[in-house]
C-alpha atoms as a PDB file:
ATOM      1  CA  MET A   1      -0.070  -0.121  -0.111  1.00  0.00           C
ATOM      2  CA  GLN A   2       2.841   2.350   0.828  1.00  0.00           C
ATOM      3  CA  ARG A   3       4.441   1.757  -2.464  1.00  0.00           C
ATOM      4  CA  PHE A   4       1.106   2.559  -4.116  1.00  0.00           C
ATOM      5  CA  PHE A   5       0.886   6.109  -2.452  1.00  0.00           C
ATOM      6  CA  THR A   6       4.502   6.515  -3.181  1.00  0.00           C
ATOM      7  CA  TRP A   7       3.650   6.024  -7.005  1.00  0.00           C
ATOM      8  CA  VAL A   8       0.638   8.136  -6.814  1.00  0.00           C
ATOM      9  CA  ILE A   9       2.785  11.071  -5.127  1.00  0.00           C
ATOM     10  CA  THR A  10       5.537  10.713  -7.718  1.00  0.00           C
ATOM     11  CA  PHE A  11       2.890  10.525 -10.501  1.00  0.00           C
ATOM     12  CA  PHE A  12       1.225  13.676  -9.568  1.00  0.00           C
ATOM     13  CA  SER A  13       4.516  15.381  -8.899  1.00  0.00           C
ATOM     14  CA  GLY A  14       5.614  14.607 -12.504  1.00  0.00           C
ATOM     15  CA  ILE A  15       2.465  16.151 -13.738  1.00  0.00           C
ATOM     16  CA  ARG A  16       2.942  19.267 -11.811  1.00  0.00           C
ATOM     17  CA  SER A  17       6.299  19.793 -13.145  1.00  0.00           C
ATOM     18  CA  ILE A  18       5.248  19.048 -16.731  1.00  0.00           C
ATOM     19  CA  VAL A  19       2.475  21.540 -16.319  1.00  0.00           C
ATOM     20  CA  LEU A  20       4.990  24.217 -15.111  1.00  0.00           C
ATOM     21  CA  MET A  21       7.353  23.567 -17.755  1.00  0.00           C
ATOM     22  CA  LEU A  22       4.581  23.758 -20.286  1.00  0.00           C
ATOM     23  CA  PHE A  23       3.461  27.163 -19.062  1.00  0.00           C
ATOM     24  CA  GLY A  24       7.051  28.182 -19.224  1.00  0.00           C
ATOM     25  CA  LEU A  25       7.288  27.154 -22.870  1.00  0.00           C
ATOM     26  CA  THR A  26       4.002  29.270 -23.463  1.00  0.00           C
ATOM     27  CA  PHE A  27       5.810  32.316 -22.030  1.00  0.00           C
ATOM     28  CA  LEU A  28       8.920  31.699 -23.903  1.00  0.00           C
ATOM     29  CA  VAL A  29       6.826  31.356 -27.095  1.00  0.00           C
ATOM     30  CA  CYS A  30       5.243  34.838 -26.110  1.00  0.00           C
ATOM     31  CA  ALA A  31       8.685  36.479 -25.591  1.00  0.00           C
ATOM     32  CA  GLY A  32       9.735  35.207 -29.048  1.00  0.00           C
ATOM     33  CA  MET A  33       6.724  36.642 -30.691  1.00  0.00           C
ATOM     34  CA  ALA A  34       7.385  39.787 -29.063  1.00  0.00           C
ATOM     35  CA  LEU A  35      10.948  39.855 -30.103  1.00  0.00           C
ATOM     36  CA  TYR A  36       9.994  39.198 -33.590  1.00  0.00           C
ATOM     37  CA  ASP A  37       7.515  41.967 -33.806  1.00  0.00           C
ATOM     38  CA  ALA A  38      10.211  44.380 -32.223  1.00  0.00           C
ATOM     39  CA  ALA A  39      12.936  43.164 -34.957  1.00  0.00           C
ATOM     40  CA  THR A  40      10.144  43.576 -37.698  1.00  0.00           C
ATOM     41  CA  LEU A  41       9.327  47.094 -36.523  1.00  0.00           C
ATOM     42  CA  TRP A  42      13.113  47.948 -36.281  1.00  0.00           C
ATOM     43  CA  GLN A  43      13.668  46.782 -39.738  1.00  0.00           C
ATOM     44  CA  ALA A  44      10.491  48.465 -41.212  1.00  0.00           C
ATOM     45  CA  ARG A  45      12.149  51.915 -40.622  1.00  0.00           C
ATOM     46  CA  ASP A  46      13.905  51.393 -43.880  1.00  0.00           C
ATOM     47  CA  TRP A  47      10.979  50.008 -45.879  1.00  0.00           C
ATOM     48  CA  PRO A  48       9.205  52.315 -48.328  1.00  0.00           C
ATOM     49  CA  SER A  49       5.769  53.662 -47.474  1.00  0.00           C
ATOM     50  CA  VAL A  50       2.849  52.789 -49.588  1.00  0.00           C
ATOM     51  CA  VAL A  51      -0.721  54.014 -50.012  1.00  0.00           C
ATOM     52  CA  ALA A  52      -3.315  51.883 -48.287  1.00  0.00           C
ATOM     53  CA  ARG A  53      -6.933  51.530 -47.855  1.00  0.00           C
ATOM     54  CA  VAL A  54      -8.893  50.614 -45.006  1.00  0.00           C
ATOM     55  CA  ASP A  55     -11.409  47.818 -46.067  1.00  0.00           C
ATOM     56  CA  GLN A  56     -12.894  46.886 -42.382  1.00  0.00           C
ATOM     57  CA  CYS A  57     -12.307  48.496 -39.172  1.00  0.00           C
ATOM     58  CA  SER A  58     -13.456  47.600 -35.674  1.00  0.00           C
ATOM     59  CA  MET A  59     -12.908  48.564 -32.073  1.00  0.00           C
ATOM     60  CA  ASN A  60     -12.663  46.179 -29.022  1.00  0.00           C
ATOM     61  CA  MET A  61     -12.855  47.291 -25.472  1.00  0.00           C
ATOM     62  CA  ARG A  62     -10.019  45.816 -23.352  1.00  0.00           C
ATOM     63  CA  TYR A  63     -10.109  45.933 -19.301  1.00  0.00           C
ATOM     64  CA  SER A  64      -7.903  46.128 -16.427  1.00  0.00           C
ATOM     65  CA  LYS A  65      -8.761  46.148 -12.889  1.00  0.00           C
ATOM     66  CA  GLN A  66      -9.031  50.110 -12.811  1.00  0.00           C
ATOM     67  CA  SER A  67      -9.484  51.117 -16.282  1.00  0.00           C
ATOM     68  CA  SER A  68     -10.714  50.313 -19.804  1.00  0.00           C
ATOM     69  CA  TRP A  69      -9.769  51.423 -23.348  1.00  0.00           C
ATOM     70  CA  TRP A  70     -10.094  50.536 -27.059  1.00  0.00           C
ATOM     71  CA  ASP A  71      -8.087  48.292 -29.300  1.00  0.00           C
ATOM     72  CA  VAL A  72      -8.418  48.987 -33.060  1.00  0.00           C
ATOM     73  CA  SER A  73      -8.475  46.089 -35.508  1.00  0.00           C
ATOM     74  CA  ALA A  74      -8.216  47.017 -39.178  1.00  0.00           C
ATOM     75  CA  THR A  75      -7.810  45.161 -42.534  1.00  0.00           C
ATOM     76  CA  PHE A  76      -5.751  47.114 -45.207  1.00  0.00           C
ATOM     77  CA  SER A  77      -5.475  46.789 -48.848  1.00  0.00           C
ATOM     78  CA  TYR A  78      -2.295  47.789 -50.552  1.00  0.00           C
ATOM     79  CA  GLY A  79      -0.103  47.379 -53.619  1.00  0.00           C
ATOM     80  CA  ASP A  80      -1.100  47.009 -57.359  1.00  0.00           C
ATOM     81  CA  ASP A  81      -4.875  47.492 -57.659  1.00  0.00           C
ATOM     82  CA  PHE A  82      -4.952  47.056 -53.820  1.00  0.00           C
ATOM     83  CA  ALA A  83      -4.373  43.180 -54.327  1.00  0.00           C
ATOM     84  CA  ARG A  84      -2.646  42.581 -51.119  1.00  0.00           C
ATOM     85  CA  HIS A  85      -4.077  42.631 -47.674  1.00  0.00           C
ATOM     86  CA  HIS A  86      -2.762  43.231 -44.235  1.00  0.00           C
ATOM     87  CA  GLN A  87      -4.652  42.765 -40.945  1.00  0.00           C
ATOM     88  CA  GLU A  88      -3.223  44.486 -37.568  1.00  0.00           C
ATOM     89  CA  THR A  89      -4.751  45.049 -34.167  1.00  0.00           C
ATOM     90  CA  TRP A  90      -3.084  47.785 -32.061  1.00  0.00           C
ATOM     91  CA  THR A  91      -3.712  50.044 -29.108  1.00  0.00           C
ATOM     92  CA  PRO A  92      -3.551  53.824 -30.200  1.00  0.00           C
ATOM     93  CA  PRO A  93      -1.385  55.882 -27.646  1.00  0.00           C
ATOM     94  CA  ASP A  94      -4.281  58.498 -27.421  1.00  0.00           C
ATOM     95  CA  THR A  95      -7.036  55.955 -27.085  1.00  0.00           C
ATOM     96  CA  PRO A  96      -9.769  57.158 -24.793  1.00  0.00           C
ATOM     97  CA  ARG A  97      -9.330  55.641 -21.327  1.00  0.00           C
ATOM     98  CA  TYR A  98     -12.446  55.163 -18.902  1.00  0.00           C
ATOM     99  CA  SER A  99     -12.560  54.280 -15.181  1.00  0.00           C
ATOM    100  CA  ARG A 100     -14.163  51.357 -14.232  1.00  0.00           C
ATOM    101  CA  HIS A 101     -16.764  50.502 -11.570  1.00  0.00           C
ATOM    102  CA  PRO A 102     -19.226  51.078 -12.998  1.00  0.00           C
ATOM    103  CA  ASP A 103     -17.970  50.172 -16.455  1.00  0.00           C
ATOM    104  CA  PRO A 104     -18.431  52.952 -19.179  1.00  0.00           C
ATOM    105  CA  VAL A 105     -21.472  52.920 -21.364  1.00  0.00           C
ATOM    106  CA  VAL A 106     -20.277  54.154 -24.953  1.00  0.00           C
ATOM    107  CA  SER A 107     -22.969  54.736 -27.528  1.00  0.00           C
ATOM    108  CA  ASP A 108     -22.710  53.144 -31.071  1.00  0.00           C
ATOM    109  CA  SER A 109     -22.375  56.666 -32.592  1.00  0.00           C
ATOM    110  CA  GLU A 110     -19.421  57.551 -30.275  1.00  0.00           C
ATOM    111  CA  GLN A 111     -17.800  54.013 -31.051  1.00  0.00           C
ATOM    112  CA  SER A 112     -18.229  54.661 -34.739  1.00  0.00           C
ATOM    113  CA  ALA A 113     -16.620  58.188 -34.470  1.00  0.00           C
ATOM    114  CA  ILE A 114     -13.631  56.695 -32.458  1.00  0.00           C
ATOM    115  CA  ALA A 115     -13.146  53.912 -34.972  1.00  0.00           C
ATOM    116  CA  LYS A 116     -13.368  56.347 -37.856  1.00  0.00           C
ATOM    117  CA  ARG A 117     -10.780  58.633 -36.325  1.00  0.00           C
ATOM    118  CA  PHE A 118      -8.162  56.085 -35.786  1.00  0.00           C
ATOM    119  CA  CYS A 119      -8.604  54.202 -38.883  1.00  0.00           C
ATOM    120  CA  ASP A 120      -8.695  57.194 -41.185  1.00  0.00           C
ATOM    121  CA  ARG A 121      -5.441  58.313 -39.440  1.00  0.00           C
ATOM    122  CA  ALA A 122      -3.811  54.842 -40.206  1.00  0.00           C
ATOM    123  CA  ALA A 123      -5.024  55.031 -43.684  1.00  0.00           C
ATOM    124  CA  ALA A 124      -3.598  58.368 -44.118  1.00  0.00           C
ATOM    125  CA  GLU A 125      -0.193  57.195 -42.703  1.00  0.00           C
ATOM    126  CA  GLY A 126      -0.240  54.315 -45.008  1.00  0.00           C
ATOM    127  CA  LEU A 127       1.888  51.028 -44.669  1.00  0.00           C
ATOM    128  CA  ARG A 128       5.475  50.539 -44.527  1.00  0.00           C
ATOM    129  CA  VAL A 129       6.192  47.389 -47.007  1.00  0.00           C
ATOM    130  CA  SER A 130       9.270  45.098 -47.235  1.00  0.00           C
ATOM    131  CA  PRO A 131      10.865  45.521 -50.817  1.00  0.00           C
ATOM    132  CA  SER A 132      12.008  41.885 -50.961  1.00  0.00           C
ATOM    133  CA  LEU A 133       8.864  40.258 -49.111  1.00  0.00           C
ATOM    134  CA  PRO A 134       5.819  42.472 -50.399  1.00  0.00           C
ATOM    135  CA  TRP A 135       3.533  40.388 -48.005  1.00  0.00           C
ATOM    136  CA  MET A 136       5.156  41.796 -44.896  1.00  0.00           C
ATOM    137  CA  ALA A 137       3.680  45.194 -44.167  1.00  0.00           C
ATOM    138  CA  TRP A 138       3.164  47.375 -41.001  1.00  0.00           C
ATOM    139  CA  ARG A 139       1.489  50.660 -40.022  1.00  0.00           C
ATOM    140  CA  SER A 140       3.656  53.654 -40.927  1.00  0.00           C
ATOM    141  CA  GLU A 141       2.310  55.194 -37.803  1.00  0.00           C
ATOM    142  CA  ALA A 142       3.630  52.407 -35.609  1.00  0.00           C
ATOM    143  CA  VAL A 143       7.091  52.668 -37.212  1.00  0.00           C
ATOM    144  CA  ALA A 144       7.332  56.546 -36.749  1.00  0.00           C
ATOM    145  CA  ASN A 145       6.010  56.360 -33.079  1.00  0.00           C
ATOM    146  CA  GLU A 146       8.944  53.583 -32.436  1.00  0.00           C
ATOM    147  CA  GLU A 147       6.315  51.289 -30.989  1.00  0.00           C
ATOM    148  CA  TRP A 148       9.069  48.659 -31.113  1.00  0.00           C
ATOM    149  CA  LYS A 149      10.377  50.045 -27.781  1.00  0.00           C
ATOM    150  CA  ALA A 150       7.201  48.882 -25.999  1.00  0.00           C
ATOM    151  CA  ASN A 151       7.846  45.238 -27.002  1.00  0.00           C
ATOM    152  CA  PHE A 152      10.907  45.181 -24.685  1.00  0.00           C
ATOM    153  CA  LEU A 153       8.589  45.196 -21.727  1.00  0.00           C
ATOM    154  CA  MET A 154       6.713  42.091 -23.011  1.00  0.00           C
ATOM    155  CA  ILE A 155      10.004  40.358 -23.779  1.00  0.00           C
ATOM    156  CA  GLY A 156      11.286  41.042 -20.498  1.00  0.00           C
ATOM    157  CA  VAL A 157       8.212  39.700 -18.504  1.00  0.00           C
ATOM    158  CA  CYS A 158       7.517  36.883 -20.638  1.00  0.00           C
ATOM    159  CA  GLY A 159      11.288  35.846 -20.658  1.00  0.00           C
ATOM    160  CA  LEU A 160      11.538  36.146 -16.820  1.00  0.00           C
ATOM    161  CA  GLY A 161       8.230  34.232 -16.416  1.00  0.00           C
ATOM    162  CA  ALA A 162       9.642  31.479 -18.751  1.00  0.00           C
ATOM    163  CA  VAL A 163      12.789  31.062 -16.910  1.00  0.00           C
ATOM    164  CA  ILE A 164      11.061  30.989 -13.389  1.00  0.00           C
ATOM    165  CA  LEU A 165       8.411  28.478 -14.489  1.00  0.00           C
ATOM    166  CA  MET A 166      10.829  26.201 -16.252  1.00  0.00           C
ATOM    167  CA  ALA A 167      13.323  26.279 -13.551  1.00  0.00           C
ATOM    168  CA  LEU A 168      10.674  25.501 -10.723  1.00  0.00           C
ATOM    169  CA  GLY A 169       9.128  22.592 -12.909  1.00  0.00           C
ATOM    170  CA  ILE A 170      12.906  21.040 -13.270  1.00  0.00           C
ATOM    171  CA  SER A 171      13.632  21.483  -9.413  1.00  0.00           C
ATOM    172  CA  LEU A 172      10.335  20.122  -8.329  1.00  0.00           C
ATOM    173  CA  TRP A 173      10.799  17.003 -10.862  1.00  0.00           C
ATOM    174  CA  PRO A 174      10.358  13.593  -8.784  1.00  0.00           C
ATOM    175  CA  GLY A 175      13.489  11.791  -8.257  1.00  0.00           C
ATOM    176  CA  ARG A 176      15.733  14.822  -8.735  1.00  0.00           C
ATOM    177  CA  LYS A 177      16.648  15.332  -5.149  1.00  0.00           C
ATOM    178  CA  VAL A 178      17.429  11.599  -4.733  1.00  0.00           C
ATOM    179  CA  ALA A 179      19.567  11.633  -7.887  1.00  0.00           C
ATOM    180  CA  VAL A 180      21.633  14.678  -6.755  1.00  0.00           C
ATOM    181  CA  LYS A 181      21.944  13.274  -3.128  1.00  0.00           C
ATOM    182  CA  SER A 182      23.208  10.041  -4.902  1.00  0.00           C
ATOM    183  CA  VAL A 183      25.884  11.937  -6.955  1.00  0.00           C
ATOM    184  CA  GLY A 184      27.092  13.800  -3.868  1.00  0.00           C
ATOM    185  CA  ARG A 185      27.265  10.754  -1.826  1.00  0.00           C
ATOM    186  CA  LYS A 186      29.578   8.877  -4.491  1.00  0.00           C
ATOM    187  CA  LYS A 187      31.761  11.944  -4.545  1.00  0.00           C
ATOM    188  CA  ARG A 188      32.281  11.867  -0.736  1.00  0.00           C
ATOM    189  CA  ILE A 189      32.927   8.027  -0.532  1.00  0.00           C
ATOM    190  CA  GLN A 190      35.750   7.896  -3.327  1.00  0.00           C
ATOM    191  CA  PRO A 191      38.917   6.783  -1.732  1.00  0.00           C
ATOM    192  CA  ALA A 192      41.596   9.269  -1.251  1.00  0.00           C
ATOM    193  CA  LYS A 193      44.558   8.597  -3.613  1.00  0.00           C
ATOM    194  CA  LYS A 194      47.671   7.316  -2.160  1.00  0.00           C
ATOM    195  CA  ARG A 195      50.772   9.427  -2.193  1.00  0.00           C
ATOM    196  CA  VAL A 196      53.827   8.354  -4.018  1.00  0.00           C
END
C-alpha cells in the first residue's frame, strides 16, 4: 500500500512539473513573438511607405482592474490594384481611457466616431512594406512612433516568467533530489589517492 501511495505522489509530482514547464514554454513563445515583432518594426524603418486603403475596421474594449480602453482592429489593402491585404490590431497611444466601477457605457455613434478617427489616421499614414517580401507590412504610424520599444517590456516579462516556471518545474521533478544526493554521496565516498 505504501508503494502505491508513493507511486501516486510521484505521478502527480511529475504532472505538476510538466504543467509548470509547459507554461514556461508558453511564456517563452510569447517572448519570441514579441522579439519578432520588435525586430520587424525595427527593420520597417527602412521600408518604403505605400498608400493603403482601410477595408474593415472595428473597435474592441479592453479591461484592466482600474480602467478600460479601445483596441483597433483593421484590414488594409495595398499594392497594385490594392490586391494585397494586411490585418493588424493595435492600441492607439491616445485612445480614450475610462475608469471602471461602473463600466463605461459608450453609444454606437461614439464608438463609430472613435473608429473612424483612428482608422482614417492609419489609412492616411499608409503602410511600410518590405521591398523583398511584399507580403510583410506594418503601419507607418507604428514605425514612426517607435512602438518597437514597447515590446521590450513584453519580452522581459515573458522571458522572466519562462525562466522561473521552467526552473521551478525542473527543480520539482520527482526523483531529482534523490539523484543529486546519490551523486554527492558517491563523490564523498571515493577513496583518497595514495601519495607516492
